[in-house]
Amino acid sequence: MENKTISRTLRLLSQLMELHEENPFKVKSVANAAFKIDKLPFPIAKKPFEEIDKVDGIGKSIAGKIIELLEKGTIQELENILQQTPPGVVEMLSIKGIGAKKVGIIWHDLQIENVGELYYACNENRLIEAKGFGLKTQEEIKQKIEFKMAANGKFLYAHVESIANQLRSTISAWLNTVDHIDAFLGLVGEFRRCVEIIEELVFVIGTDDVNDLAEKILAFDGLEFKNNGESTFTAHTESGLQIKLSIVPKSDFYLDYFKLTGNENHVNEVLKLAGNGTFKSEEEIYTKAGLDFIEPELREGLDEIELAKNHQLPNLITYADLKGSLHNHSDWSDGVHTLEEMAVYCKDDLKLEYLGICDHSKSAFYAKGLNEQRVFAQHQQIEELNIKLAPFKIFKGIESDILNDGSLDYSDDILKTFDFVVASVHSNLRMDEEKATARLIKAIENPYTTILGHPTGRLLLSRKGYDIDYKKVIDACAANNVVIEINANPLRLDLDWRWHRYALEKGVLLSINPDAHRKEGFHDMRYGVMVARKGGLTSKKCLNAFSLVEITNYFNQKKISL
C-alpha cells in the first residue's frame, strides 16, 4: 500500500473525527500523521510493524491504525464513523476550501446532506447566512462544485447555453473572414432539441469548398480541432465540454441539419417517408414526408410523427404566453429581495400581471420558515402592497412542507387563509417508491393543496430524486384537481418533461414555476418553458399562462369546492 493511500485514509479519519466533534488533540494527532506519512521518503508499508511507531509523528496509537489498515485494508474506527455519516456529507469533505467545521455547519445547521443540495443552497444564497460563511466563500464553493459536476462530461443546458451561443457567433464571424468561402452554419444535436443535460455541442457547416474549409478549420483560433475523418472534427473547451463539427456540401446542408438535430428514431422514421435527396429547407423535408413541421424540441421519437400526420401537433407554449409567476421566495424566508422588490420587478421589468409568493413553511426552520404569526404578518403586508401596486396582484401562497406521513405542516385553519398552496417534500428524501408515492398522494388528497411542487426532489447531475410511481401520482392529481409544477430552476426541471404528456392526457394542468429566491431567478422560467415545450405543453394547459382574471377565478373556485 502506497504512502498516499495511507495518508488519504488517515486524513479522512481526522476529518470525520472533527466533523463529529471528537477530542481535538486526537484529531490533530491523526491529521499530523497523515501529513507526515505523505512526505516520507520511504514506503512505510515496508517497515517492520514493530518499528512503525518509531517514525517521526507516529506514536503507538497511530501505528496501530496503520497496521490494521495494512493487514485488513481498512480501519474499524473509520468504518464505524462512516456508518454515522451520510455518504453525501463525506463527499462534501472532498471539496477544497471547505473544512470539516464548515461541513458540520452545512450538515447540522442547514440540513444539507449532499453536494447537489449544497449547490442548490448556493444558488438560493442560503450559505451566506450560516456562521463562518460569506458571499465570497459561497461563490468559491459554487465554482468548485460546477467544476466537479463537469468532470463527468455532462453539463446542464443552462451551463452550456452561453458557451454555445458564443461559439456559434465566433465560428460565424470566422467563416466571414475565410477567403472564397460561402457557408451555412447550424447548431444542432441535444442543444437544439433543448435537452436538459448536454454531453456535446454539435455544429454543421455547409459549403461548396468542403476540402478547403476542412484544412482551414484546423487553424481555428480558440479551439484545437482534430480531424476524425470524413470532414468531422472534435475539440474540447477549457471546461471539458466536447465540441463536434461536421463540414458537408452546401447541397446537403439542410438534410444534415435535420439528421444531426433529431433523435435517431425520429430521423429514420421521417426519412422513410420523405426519402433522401436535396432539400432547400427543413420544412421541405417534412412536406415531402406528408407531415406538419415538427419543432426541434419534439423530435424525440415519441408520438410526434403520428400527431404530425394527423395535424394534431400541439401549439407549443412560448415565454410570451406567461402572465404571472407562481412559487417564489422573498426575504421573509430564504430569499434575497423583499416582497415589494420581487413584486415591482415582476410588474415593471417583466410586465407580468401577478406574483405568487410562496415562502417556506414552519418546518423549514433552516430557511427561516414562517410560523403562524409571521404568516399573518406577511398577509397584512401583501394586502397593503396590493393596494399600492394595483392592478398588479400578489397572491398569498406558501410552500408547505409535506411531512413524513404525507400531511402538510399547518392546520386547516391556517391553510385556508392562503390563496393557493404549493406542497413540496424537503426532508426525509431517502424513501422507496411505495413510501414516496403514498406520501405524495396523501398530500395531493389534502383539499388545500393547489400545486404539487418539484415532485421527485431531483437535482440534475447531483441528486437522482426519490422514485415515485408517476402514473399513480399524476392520476391522483387528476382526481383531486391538483396542478403539477414544472420547477423551472435549471437544476431541477421537475416534473420531468417525459411525463408531461401523460399528465396532459389526464387533464392535469401544469405550472411553470421559477422557485425564484431573488429577482434574477424569475428568468429561469425560460428554462421551464424550454422543457414544457418538449413535453408538449400549450398555453391553455399552463396555470401561470392564465390571465389575472382567469387565475383569480381558478383559485376562488378551488376554495368554493372545499
Protein backbone atom coordinates (compact mmCIF):
# COMPACT_ATOMS: atom_id res chain seq x y z
CA MET A 1 0.00 0.00 0.00
CA GLU A 2 1.45 3.36 -1.04
CA ASN A 3 2.06 6.19 1.40
CA LYS A 4 -0.50 8.39 -0.34
CA THR A 5 -3.25 5.81 0.20
CA ILE A 6 -2.40 5.51 3.89
CA SER A 7 -2.19 9.30 4.20
CA ARG A 8 -5.57 9.84 2.50
CA THR A 9 -7.22 7.25 4.77
CA LEU A 10 -5.87 8.90 7.92
CA ARG A 11 -6.80 12.34 6.62
CA LEU A 12 -10.39 11.20 6.03
CA LEU A 13 -10.46 9.73 9.55
CA SER A 14 -9.25 13.03 11.04
CA GLN A 15 -11.86 14.99 9.03
CA LEU A 16 -14.68 12.73 10.17
CA MET A 17 -13.49 12.86 13.78
CA GLU A 18 -13.52 16.66 13.60
CA LEU A 19 -16.92 16.61 11.92
CA HIS A 20 -18.30 14.57 14.82
CA GLU A 21 -16.55 16.87 17.31
CA GLU A 22 -14.23 14.29 18.86
CA ASN A 23 -11.27 15.21 21.07
CA PRO A 24 -9.40 17.98 19.19
CA PHE A 25 -5.97 16.73 20.35
CA LYS A 26 -6.75 13.27 18.96
CA VAL A 27 -7.98 14.83 15.71
CA LYS A 28 -4.80 16.88 15.39
CA SER A 29 -2.65 13.82 16.06
CA VAL A 30 -4.27 11.81 13.25
CA ALA A 31 -4.18 14.78 10.83
CA ASN A 32 -0.49 15.39 11.62
CA ALA A 33 0.34 11.73 11.00
CA ALA A 34 -1.47 11.86 7.64
CA PHE A 35 0.65 14.87 6.63
CA LYS A 36 3.93 13.29 7.80
CA ILE A 37 3.32 9.97 6.02
CA ASP A 38 2.59 11.75 2.73
CA LYS A 39 6.03 13.41 2.91
CA LEU A 40 8.08 10.33 3.92
CA PRO A 41 10.99 9.48 1.57
CA PHE A 42 10.38 5.72 2.01
CA PRO A 43 7.30 3.42 1.86
CA ILE A 44 6.07 2.96 5.42
CA ALA A 45 4.34 -0.30 4.45
CA LYS A 46 7.78 -1.92 4.02
CA LYS A 47 8.81 -1.06 7.58
CA PRO A 48 8.64 -3.87 10.14
CA PHE A 49 5.41 -3.38 12.10
CA GLU A 50 7.27 -3.07 15.40
CA GLU A 51 9.23 -0.09 14.03
CA ILE A 52 6.30 1.96 12.63
CA ASP A 53 5.67 3.75 15.93
CA LYS A 54 9.28 5.00 15.87
CA VAL A 55 8.66 7.06 12.71
CA ASP A 56 8.52 10.80 13.39
CA GLY A 57 4.95 11.94 14.08
CA ILE A 58 3.59 8.41 14.60
CA GLY A 59 3.04 7.04 18.09
CA LYS A 60 1.70 3.69 19.25
CA SER A 61 -1.96 4.62 18.71
CA ILE A 62 -1.47 5.81 15.11
CA ALA A 63 0.87 2.88 14.40
CA GLY A 64 -1.89 0.51 15.48
CA LYS A 65 -4.29 2.12 12.98
CA ILE A 66 -1.71 1.88 10.17
CA ILE A 67 -1.00 -1.78 10.91
CA GLU A 68 -4.73 -2.51 10.96
CA LEU A 69 -5.08 -0.77 7.59
CA LEU A 70 -2.18 -2.73 6.10
CA GLU A 71 -3.48 -6.06 7.40
CA LYS A 72 -7.22 -5.63 6.85
CA GLY A 73 -7.46 -2.94 4.17
CA THR A 74 -9.47 -0.67 6.46
CA ILE A 75 -9.63 0.80 9.97
CA GLN A 76 -12.59 -0.25 12.09
CA GLU A 77 -12.79 3.17 13.76
CA LEU A 78 -13.12 4.72 10.30
CA GLU A 79 -15.83 2.24 9.27
CA ASN A 80 -17.79 2.98 12.46
CA ILE A 81 -17.75 6.71 11.93
CA LEU A 82 -18.60 6.34 8.22
CA GLN A 83 -21.76 4.45 9.23
CA GLN A 84 -22.82 7.51 11.25
CA THR A 85 -22.26 9.92 8.35
CA PRO A 86 -24.40 10.31 5.18
CA PRO A 87 -22.33 9.49 2.06
CA GLY A 88 -23.11 12.92 0.61
CA VAL A 89 -21.63 14.62 3.66
CA VAL A 90 -18.45 12.54 3.25
CA GLU A 91 -18.32 13.66 -0.39
CA MET A 92 -18.53 17.31 0.72
CA LEU A 93 -15.29 16.84 2.65
CA SER A 94 -13.51 16.36 -0.68
CA ILE A 95 -14.38 19.89 -1.86
CA LYS A 96 -11.32 22.09 -1.47
CA GLY A 97 -11.92 25.17 0.62
CA ILE A 98 -14.45 23.56 2.96
CA GLY A 99 -13.01 22.14 6.16
CA ALA A 100 -14.74 19.70 8.45
CA LYS A 101 -16.05 22.51 10.68
CA LYS A 102 -17.79 24.20 7.76
CA VAL A 103 -19.17 20.87 6.53
CA GLY A 104 -20.52 20.32 10.04
CA ILE A 105 -22.36 23.65 9.91
CA ILE A 106 -23.71 22.84 6.44
CA TRP A 107 -24.92 19.43 7.62
CA HIS A 108 -26.27 20.20 11.09
CA ASP A 109 -27.44 23.82 10.79
CA LEU A 110 -28.60 23.93 7.16
CA GLN A 111 -29.79 20.30 6.93
CA ILE A 112 -27.80 19.77 3.71
CA GLU A 113 -26.65 16.21 3.14
CA ASN A 114 -25.03 16.09 -0.30
CA VAL A 115 -23.15 18.14 -2.88
CA GLY A 116 -26.24 18.67 -5.05
CA GLU A 117 -28.20 20.17 -2.17
CA LEU A 118 -25.18 22.34 -1.33
CA TYR A 119 -25.01 23.68 -4.87
CA TYR A 120 -28.73 24.41 -4.81
CA ALA A 121 -28.29 26.24 -1.49
CA CYS A 122 -25.54 28.37 -3.06
CA ASN A 123 -27.95 29.33 -5.84
CA GLU A 124 -30.54 30.24 -3.20
CA ASN A 125 -27.97 32.42 -1.38
CA ARG A 126 -28.55 30.38 1.76
CA LEU A 127 -24.92 29.83 2.69
CA ILE A 128 -24.08 33.47 3.41
CA GLU A 129 -26.33 33.42 6.47
CA ALA A 130 -24.50 30.47 8.06
CA LYS A 131 -21.81 31.03 10.67
CA GLY A 132 -18.34 31.41 9.15
CA PHE A 133 -19.57 31.85 5.58
CA GLY A 134 -19.80 34.91 3.36
CA LEU A 135 -20.62 35.76 -0.23
CA LYS A 136 -17.03 35.15 -1.38
CA THR A 137 -16.89 31.70 0.24
CA GLN A 138 -20.29 30.81 -1.21
CA GLU A 139 -19.18 31.76 -4.75
CA GLU A 140 -15.92 29.80 -4.38
CA ILE A 141 -17.82 26.71 -3.25
CA LYS A 142 -20.28 27.09 -6.13
CA GLN A 143 -17.44 27.30 -8.68
CA LYS A 144 -15.69 24.25 -7.25
CA ILE A 145 -18.91 22.22 -7.39
CA GLU A 146 -19.52 23.30 -11.00
CA PHE A 147 -16.01 22.11 -11.88
CA LYS A 148 -16.69 18.80 -10.11
CA MET A 149 -20.02 18.37 -11.93
CA ALA A 150 -18.35 18.98 -15.28
CA ALA A 151 -15.71 16.32 -14.64
CA ASN A 152 -18.05 13.53 -15.77
CA GLY A 153 -18.50 15.09 -19.22
CA LYS A 154 -22.14 16.06 -18.67
CA PHE A 155 -23.41 19.61 -18.36
CA LEU A 156 -26.67 21.34 -17.53
CA TYR A 157 -28.24 23.08 -20.51
CA ALA A 158 -28.10 26.36 -18.59
CA HIS A 159 -24.35 25.95 -18.01
CA VAL A 160 -23.51 25.49 -21.71
CA GLU A 161 -26.01 27.95 -23.17
CA SER A 162 -23.68 30.95 -23.13
CA ILE A 163 -20.78 28.80 -24.41
CA ALA A 164 -22.93 27.50 -27.27
CA ASN A 165 -24.16 30.93 -28.33
CA GLN A 166 -20.73 32.50 -28.06
CA LEU A 167 -19.11 29.69 -30.04
CA ARG A 168 -21.78 29.93 -32.74
CA SER A 169 -21.08 33.66 -33.06
CA THR A 170 -17.32 33.10 -33.10
CA ILE A 171 -17.48 30.40 -35.80
CA SER A 172 -19.88 32.52 -37.85
CA ALA A 173 -17.56 35.54 -37.64
CA TRP A 174 -14.57 33.35 -38.55
CA LEU A 175 -16.36 31.95 -41.60
CA ASN A 176 -16.88 35.50 -42.84
CA THR A 177 -13.11 36.08 -42.76
CA VAL A 178 -12.20 32.95 -44.75
CA ASP A 179 -11.48 33.85 -48.40
CA HIS A 180 -13.70 32.39 -51.10
CA ILE A 181 -15.87 30.52 -48.59
CA ASP A 182 -19.63 30.87 -48.66
CA ALA A 183 -21.15 28.75 -45.93
CA PHE A 184 -24.24 27.91 -43.88
CA LEU A 185 -23.83 27.25 -40.14
CA GLY A 186 -26.12 25.36 -37.79
CA LEU A 187 -26.03 24.42 -34.10
CA VAL A 188 -27.77 21.06 -33.81
CA GLY A 189 -27.95 17.94 -31.62
CA GLU A 190 -29.05 17.87 -27.99
CA PHE A 191 -28.72 21.61 -27.64
CA ARG A 192 -31.12 22.41 -30.47
CA ARG A 193 -33.60 19.89 -29.04
CA CYS A 194 -33.29 21.68 -25.68
CA VAL A 195 -32.32 18.53 -23.80
CA GLU A 196 -31.78 19.34 -20.12
CA ILE A 197 -28.38 17.58 -19.91
CA ILE A 198 -25.83 18.14 -22.67
CA GLU A 199 -22.90 15.84 -23.43
CA GLU A 200 -21.63 17.61 -26.56
CA LEU A 201 -22.27 20.65 -28.72
CA VAL A 202 -22.69 19.74 -32.38
CA PHE A 203 -22.22 22.17 -35.29
CA VAL A 204 -22.70 21.61 -39.02
CA ILE A 205 -21.27 23.78 -41.79
CA GLY A 206 -22.46 23.58 -45.38
CA THR A 207 -20.08 24.82 -48.09
CA ASP A 208 -19.12 24.19 -51.71
CA ASP A 209 -15.47 24.12 -50.61
CA VAL A 210 -15.51 21.20 -48.16
CA ASN A 211 -11.85 20.17 -48.53
CA ASP A 212 -10.57 23.74 -48.39
CA LEU A 213 -12.55 24.56 -45.26
CA ALA A 214 -11.58 21.23 -43.68
CA GLU A 215 -7.93 22.28 -43.90
CA LYS A 216 -8.56 25.77 -42.58
CA ILE A 217 -10.65 24.64 -39.57
CA LEU A 218 -7.55 23.02 -38.08
CA ALA A 219 -6.14 26.53 -37.62
CA PHE A 220 -9.32 27.86 -35.97
CA ASP A 221 -8.32 30.21 -33.15
CA GLY A 222 -9.73 29.30 -29.74
CA LEU A 223 -10.28 25.55 -30.15
CA GLU A 224 -7.87 22.83 -31.21
CA PHE A 225 -9.94 20.80 -33.67
CA LYS A 226 -8.82 17.27 -34.51
CA ASN A 227 -9.85 15.56 -37.73
CA ASN A 228 -11.82 12.37 -37.09
CA GLY A 229 -12.17 11.57 -40.79
CA GLU A 230 -14.91 12.28 -43.32
CA SER A 231 -14.74 16.02 -42.60
CA THR A 232 -15.77 15.56 -38.97
CA PHE A 233 -13.80 17.35 -36.26
CA THR A 234 -13.78 17.35 -32.46
CA ALA A 235 -12.42 19.68 -29.81
CA HIS A 236 -12.91 20.42 -26.11
CA THR A 237 -13.49 23.66 -24.26
CA GLU A 238 -11.47 24.54 -21.16
CA SER A 239 -14.31 23.21 -19.02
CA GLY A 240 -14.16 19.82 -20.78
CA LEU A 241 -17.24 20.19 -22.97
CA GLN A 242 -16.88 18.23 -26.22
CA ILE A 243 -17.43 20.14 -29.46
CA LYS A 244 -18.22 18.23 -32.65
CA LEU A 245 -18.24 19.88 -36.08
CA SER A 246 -19.20 18.41 -39.44
CA ILE A 247 -18.44 20.04 -42.81
CA VAL A 248 -20.80 18.95 -45.59
CA PRO A 249 -21.55 20.03 -49.18
CA LYS A 250 -23.90 23.01 -49.21
CA SER A 251 -26.42 21.00 -51.23
CA ASP A 252 -26.65 18.53 -48.31
CA PHE A 253 -26.78 21.15 -45.55
CA TYR A 254 -30.49 21.03 -44.70
CA LEU A 255 -30.58 17.24 -44.82
CA ASP A 256 -27.63 17.04 -42.41
CA TYR A 257 -29.05 19.89 -40.33
CA PHE A 258 -32.15 17.74 -39.93
CA LYS A 259 -30.26 14.47 -39.39
CA LEU A 260 -27.95 15.90 -36.72
CA THR A 261 -30.81 17.54 -34.82
CA GLY A 262 -33.33 14.79 -34.19
CA ASN A 263 -33.38 11.67 -32.08
CA GLU A 264 -32.28 8.70 -34.23
CA ASN A 265 -35.75 7.14 -34.28
CA HIS A 266 -37.33 10.43 -35.34
CA VAL A 267 -34.83 10.96 -38.15
CA ASN A 268 -35.18 7.42 -39.50
CA GLU A 269 -38.99 7.48 -39.48
CA VAL A 270 -39.22 10.86 -41.23
CA LEU A 271 -36.70 9.92 -43.92
CA LYS A 272 -38.59 6.70 -44.61
CA LEU A 273 -41.50 8.94 -45.59
CA ALA A 274 -39.55 11.76 -47.27
CA GLY A 275 -36.72 9.82 -48.89
CA ASN A 276 -33.21 11.17 -49.28
CA GLY A 277 -32.36 13.92 -51.69
CA THR A 278 -31.59 17.61 -51.90
CA PHE A 279 -33.75 19.86 -49.77
CA LYS A 280 -33.93 23.65 -49.68
CA SER A 281 -35.15 23.74 -46.07
CA GLU A 282 -36.17 21.52 -43.16
CA GLU A 283 -39.77 22.46 -43.87
CA GLU A 284 -39.43 20.83 -47.29
CA ILE A 285 -38.31 17.56 -45.67
CA TYR A 286 -41.47 17.41 -43.58
CA THR A 287 -43.65 18.46 -46.52
CA LYS A 288 -42.27 15.64 -48.69
CA ALA A 289 -42.88 13.25 -45.77
CA GLY A 290 -46.52 14.36 -45.68
CA LEU A 291 -46.09 15.79 -42.19
CA ASP A 292 -46.69 19.10 -40.46
CA PHE A 293 -43.44 20.78 -39.43
CA ILE A 294 -42.23 19.37 -36.12
CA GLU A 295 -40.41 21.75 -33.78
CA PRO A 296 -36.88 20.63 -32.79
CA GLU A 297 -37.84 20.20 -29.12
CA LEU A 298 -40.36 17.48 -30.05
CA ARG A 299 -38.05 15.38 -32.22
CA GLU A 300 -37.52 12.64 -29.64
CA GLY A 301 -39.04 9.62 -31.42
CA LEU A 302 -42.19 9.50 -29.29
CA ASP A 303 -45.60 10.10 -30.87
CA GLU A 304 -44.77 13.35 -32.66
CA ILE A 305 -44.76 11.82 -36.17
CA GLU A 306 -48.23 10.32 -35.74
CA LEU A 307 -49.50 13.66 -34.44
CA ALA A 308 -47.90 15.45 -37.40
CA LYS A 309 -49.58 13.05 -39.84
CA ASN A 310 -52.98 13.85 -38.39
CA HIS A 311 -52.44 17.62 -37.96
CA GLN A 312 -52.64 17.21 -34.18
CA LEU A 313 -49.32 18.68 -33.06
CA PRO A 314 -49.74 20.94 -30.03
CA ASN A 315 -49.37 24.69 -30.40
CA LEU A 316 -46.41 24.83 -28.04
CA ILE A 317 -46.28 27.36 -25.24
CA THR A 318 -43.88 30.33 -25.52
CA TYR A 319 -42.31 32.56 -22.89
CA ALA A 320 -44.54 35.41 -24.06
CA ASP A 321 -47.61 33.35 -23.07
CA LEU A 322 -46.77 33.57 -19.36
CA LYS A 323 -48.90 36.09 -17.47
CA GLY A 324 -47.55 35.62 -13.97
CA SER A 325 -45.05 33.83 -11.78
CA LEU A 326 -46.04 31.40 -9.02
CA HIS A 327 -43.86 29.76 -6.33
CA ASN A 328 -41.31 32.41 -5.37
CA HIS A 329 -39.50 33.31 -2.16
CA SER A 330 -38.73 36.65 -0.50
CA ASP A 331 -36.58 37.66 2.44
CA TRP A 332 -39.45 36.62 4.68
CA SER A 333 -37.82 33.17 4.41
CA ASP A 334 -34.62 32.38 2.50
CA GLY A 335 -34.99 34.79 -0.43
CA VAL A 336 -32.64 37.69 -1.09
CA HIS A 337 -35.04 40.50 -2.03
CA THR A 338 -38.00 41.96 -0.21
CA LEU A 339 -41.54 41.07 -1.13
CA GLU A 340 -42.07 44.53 -2.60
CA GLU A 341 -38.85 44.32 -4.64
CA MET A 342 -39.92 40.95 -6.07
CA ALA A 343 -43.38 42.27 -6.93
CA VAL A 344 -42.17 45.52 -8.51
CA TYR A 345 -39.66 43.58 -10.62
CA CYS A 346 -42.45 41.32 -11.92
CA LYS A 347 -44.71 44.29 -12.59
CA ASP A 348 -42.30 46.83 -14.11
CA ASP A 349 -39.43 44.79 -15.57
CA LEU A 350 -41.16 41.58 -16.63
CA LYS A 351 -44.56 43.17 -17.39
CA LEU A 352 -46.38 40.34 -15.63
CA GLU A 353 -49.88 40.64 -14.17
CA TYR A 354 -49.35 38.83 -10.88
CA LEU A 355 -46.90 37.25 -8.46
CA GLY A 356 -47.48 34.22 -6.26
CA ILE A 357 -45.33 34.43 -3.14
CA CYS A 358 -44.62 31.05 -1.54
CA ASP A 359 -42.16 31.47 1.28
CA HIS A 360 -41.14 28.37 3.21
CA SER A 361 -43.41 26.96 5.88
CA LYS A 362 -42.59 26.48 9.55
CA SER A 363 -40.95 23.03 9.20
CA ALA A 364 -38.21 24.57 7.04
CA PHE A 365 -36.59 26.25 10.06
CA TYR A 366 -33.22 26.21 8.25
CA ALA A 367 -34.81 28.54 5.64
CA LYS A 368 -36.49 30.84 8.15
CA GLY A 369 -39.85 29.19 7.53
CA LEU A 370 -42.93 31.17 8.56
CA ASN A 371 -44.71 30.27 11.79
CA GLU A 372 -48.40 31.12 12.14
CA GLN A 373 -47.78 34.62 13.49
CA ARG A 374 -45.43 35.51 10.64
CA VAL A 375 -47.93 34.15 8.10
CA PHE A 376 -50.49 36.63 9.45
CA ALA A 377 -47.94 39.47 9.33
CA GLN A 378 -46.97 38.69 5.74
CA HIS A 379 -50.61 38.61 4.68
CA GLN A 380 -51.06 42.10 6.10
CA GLN A 381 -48.10 43.35 4.04
CA ILE A 382 -49.48 41.67 0.90
CA GLU A 383 -52.81 43.42 1.34
CA GLU A 384 -51.05 46.77 1.68
CA LEU A 385 -48.89 46.14 -1.39
CA ASN A 386 -51.89 45.04 -3.45
CA ILE A 387 -53.47 48.46 -2.84
CA LYS A 388 -50.20 50.20 -3.70
CA LEU A 389 -49.41 48.16 -6.86
CA ALA A 390 -52.93 47.66 -8.27
CA PRO A 391 -53.97 46.36 -10.75
CA PHE A 392 -50.93 44.10 -10.29
CA LYS A 393 -51.70 41.47 -7.68
CA ILE A 394 -49.68 39.43 -5.19
CA PHE A 395 -51.35 36.13 -4.35
CA LYS A 396 -50.92 34.79 -0.82
CA GLY A 397 -49.18 31.47 -1.25
CA ILE A 398 -47.00 29.17 0.82
CA GLU A 399 -44.63 26.32 0.06
CA SER A 400 -45.93 23.96 2.70
CA ASP A 401 -43.69 21.05 3.63
CA ILE A 402 -45.08 17.57 3.07
CA LEU A 403 -44.26 15.81 6.32
CA ASN A 404 -43.10 12.22 6.53
CA ASP A 405 -46.66 10.90 6.84
CA GLY A 406 -47.90 12.99 3.88
CA SER A 407 -49.67 15.67 5.91
CA LEU A 408 -48.94 19.38 5.47
CA ASP A 409 -47.29 21.31 8.26
CA TYR A 410 -50.09 23.78 9.02
CA SER A 411 -53.57 23.24 10.40
CA ASP A 412 -56.58 23.69 8.12
CA ASP A 413 -57.32 26.98 9.89
CA ILE A 414 -54.02 28.36 8.58
CA LEU A 415 -54.11 26.66 5.19
CA LYS A 416 -57.47 28.21 4.35
CA THR A 417 -56.01 31.73 4.71
CA PHE A 418 -53.84 31.26 1.60
CA ASP A 419 -54.95 31.89 -1.98
CA PHE A 420 -53.03 28.80 -3.03
CA VAL A 421 -50.71 26.18 -1.51
CA VAL A 422 -47.66 24.56 -3.09
CA ALA A 423 -46.99 21.25 -1.32
CA SER A 424 -43.38 20.04 -1.51
CA VAL A 425 -41.08 17.45 0.04
CA HIS A 426 -37.86 18.87 1.52
CA SER A 427 -36.86 16.36 4.19
CA ASN A 428 -36.52 12.58 4.67
CA LEU A 429 -35.75 12.07 0.99
CA ARG A 430 -34.46 8.50 1.32
CA MET A 431 -37.70 6.69 0.54
CA ASP A 432 -38.53 3.68 -1.57
CA GLU A 433 -41.05 4.08 -4.40
CA GLU A 434 -44.01 2.81 -2.39
CA LYS A 435 -43.34 5.16 0.55
CA ALA A 436 -42.65 8.20 -1.66
CA THR A 437 -45.76 7.59 -3.76
CA ALA A 438 -48.01 7.17 -0.73
CA ARG A 439 -46.55 10.29 0.88
CA LEU A 440 -47.21 12.42 -2.21
CA ILE A 441 -50.70 11.05 -2.78
CA LYS A 442 -51.76 11.86 0.79
CA ALA A 443 -50.54 15.44 0.29
CA ILE A 444 -52.32 15.63 -3.07
CA GLU A 445 -55.55 14.49 -1.41
CA ASN A 446 -55.35 17.33 1.11
CA PRO A 447 -58.15 19.65 -0.09
CA TYR A 448 -55.95 22.73 0.43
CA THR A 449 -53.15 21.55 -1.90
CA THR A 450 -53.24 23.57 -5.12
CA ILE A 451 -49.90 22.67 -6.71
CA LEU A 452 -47.57 19.69 -6.21
CA GLY A 453 -44.06 21.20 -6.06
CA HIS A 454 -40.94 19.60 -7.64
CA PRO A 455 -42.48 16.10 -7.47
CA THR A 456 -39.31 13.97 -7.24
CA GLY A 457 -36.93 16.36 -5.45
CA ARG A 458 -34.25 15.70 -8.05
CA LEU A 459 -31.20 17.90 -8.60
CA LEU A 460 -29.81 17.20 -12.07
CA LEU A 461 -26.28 15.72 -12.15
CA SER A 462 -26.28 15.80 -8.35
CA ARG A 463 -29.23 14.01 -6.80
CA LYS A 464 -31.36 11.42 -8.54
CA GLY A 465 -34.50 12.23 -6.59
CA TYR A 466 -36.78 9.72 -4.91
CA ASP A 467 -38.50 7.12 -7.07
CA ILE A 468 -42.25 7.53 -7.50
CA ASP A 469 -44.97 5.74 -9.41
CA TYR A 470 -45.54 8.57 -11.86
CA LYS A 471 -48.87 7.27 -13.13
CA LYS A 472 -50.35 6.90 -9.65
CA VAL A 473 -49.18 10.38 -8.62
CA ILE A 474 -50.44 12.01 -11.82
CA ASP A 475 -53.73 10.12 -11.59
CA ALA A 476 -54.14 11.38 -8.02
CA CYS A 477 -53.54 14.96 -9.20
CA ALA A 478 -56.20 14.49 -11.89
CA ALA A 479 -58.70 13.09 -9.39
CA ASN A 480 -58.10 15.90 -6.87
CA ASN A 481 -57.76 18.85 -9.27
CA VAL A 482 -54.15 19.47 -8.25
CA VAL A 483 -51.75 21.25 -10.60
CA ILE A 484 -48.25 19.79 -11.10
CA GLU A 485 -45.27 22.09 -11.03
CA ILE A 486 -42.60 22.24 -13.70
CA ASN A 487 -39.92 23.65 -11.43
CA ALA A 488 -38.00 25.87 -13.82
CA ASN A 489 -34.78 26.06 -11.84
CA PRO A 490 -32.29 24.53 -14.32
CA LEU A 491 -31.03 22.24 -11.56
CA ARG A 492 -34.49 20.73 -11.12
CA LEU A 493 -36.74 20.90 -14.23
CA ASP A 494 -39.08 18.67 -12.27
CA LEU A 495 -41.70 17.32 -13.34
CA ASP A 496 -39.56 15.60 -15.96
CA TRP A 497 -40.75 16.52 -19.49
CA ARG A 498 -41.11 12.83 -20.37
CA TRP A 499 -44.20 12.71 -18.12
CA HIS A 500 -45.84 15.96 -19.24
CA ARG A 501 -47.82 14.24 -21.99
CA TYR A 502 -49.33 11.69 -19.64
CA ALA A 503 -50.35 14.48 -17.25
CA LEU A 504 -51.89 16.48 -20.07
CA GLU A 505 -53.78 13.43 -21.36
CA LYS A 506 -55.24 13.03 -17.87
CA GLY A 507 -56.40 16.65 -17.86
CA VAL A 508 -53.86 17.87 -15.30
CA LEU A 509 -52.76 21.49 -15.52
CA LEU A 510 -49.03 22.25 -15.30
CA SER A 511 -47.45 25.40 -13.89
CA ILE A 512 -44.02 26.76 -14.92
CA ASN A 513 -42.65 27.94 -11.58
CA PRO A 514 -39.20 29.53 -11.24
CA ASP A 515 -38.85 28.88 -7.48
CA ALA A 516 -37.10 32.27 -7.53
CA HIS A 517 -35.17 33.31 -4.43
CA ARG A 518 -34.07 36.62 -5.93
CA LYS A 519 -35.21 38.89 -8.76
CA GLU A 520 -32.86 37.29 -11.28
CA GLY A 521 -34.41 33.89 -10.54
CA PHE A 522 -37.58 34.83 -12.40
CA HIS A 523 -35.65 34.44 -15.66
CA ASP A 524 -35.42 30.70 -15.00
CA MET A 525 -38.98 30.47 -16.30
CA ARG A 526 -37.35 30.42 -19.73
CA TYR A 527 -35.83 27.01 -18.93
CA GLY A 528 -39.20 25.86 -17.67
CA VAL A 529 -40.78 26.88 -20.97
CA MET A 530 -38.00 25.02 -22.77
CA VAL A 531 -38.78 21.65 -21.15
CA ALA A 532 -42.53 22.36 -21.17
CA ARG A 533 -42.32 22.62 -24.96
CA LYS A 534 -40.52 19.26 -25.04
CA GLY A 535 -43.40 17.84 -23.06
CA GLY A 536 -45.99 19.27 -25.47
CA LEU A 537 -47.46 21.92 -23.14
CA THR A 538 -49.79 24.55 -24.58
CA SER A 539 -50.69 27.88 -23.01
CA LYS A 540 -54.26 26.69 -22.34
CA LYS A 541 -52.94 23.94 -20.07
CA CYS A 542 -50.44 26.12 -18.18
CA LEU A 543 -51.74 27.67 -14.96
CA ASN A 544 -49.49 30.73 -15.00
CA ALA A 545 -50.42 31.46 -18.62
CA PHE A 546 -53.88 32.29 -17.26
CA SER A 547 -54.73 36.00 -17.15
CA LEU A 548 -55.16 37.69 -13.77
CA VAL A 549 -58.93 37.37 -14.07
CA GLU A 550 -58.73 33.71 -15.08
CA ILE A 551 -56.33 32.64 -12.32
CA THR A 552 -58.28 34.62 -9.69
CA ASN A 553 -61.40 32.72 -10.73
CA TYR A 554 -59.46 29.44 -10.66
CA PHE A 555 -58.23 29.99 -7.10
CA ASN A 556 -61.69 31.12 -5.98
CA GLN A 557 -63.36 28.05 -7.50
CA LYS A 558 -60.84 25.84 -5.71
CA LYS A 559 -61.80 27.47 -2.39
CA ILE A 560 -65.52 27.19 -3.06
CA SER A 561 -65.12 23.45 -3.57
CA LEU A 562 -63.60 22.98 -0.09
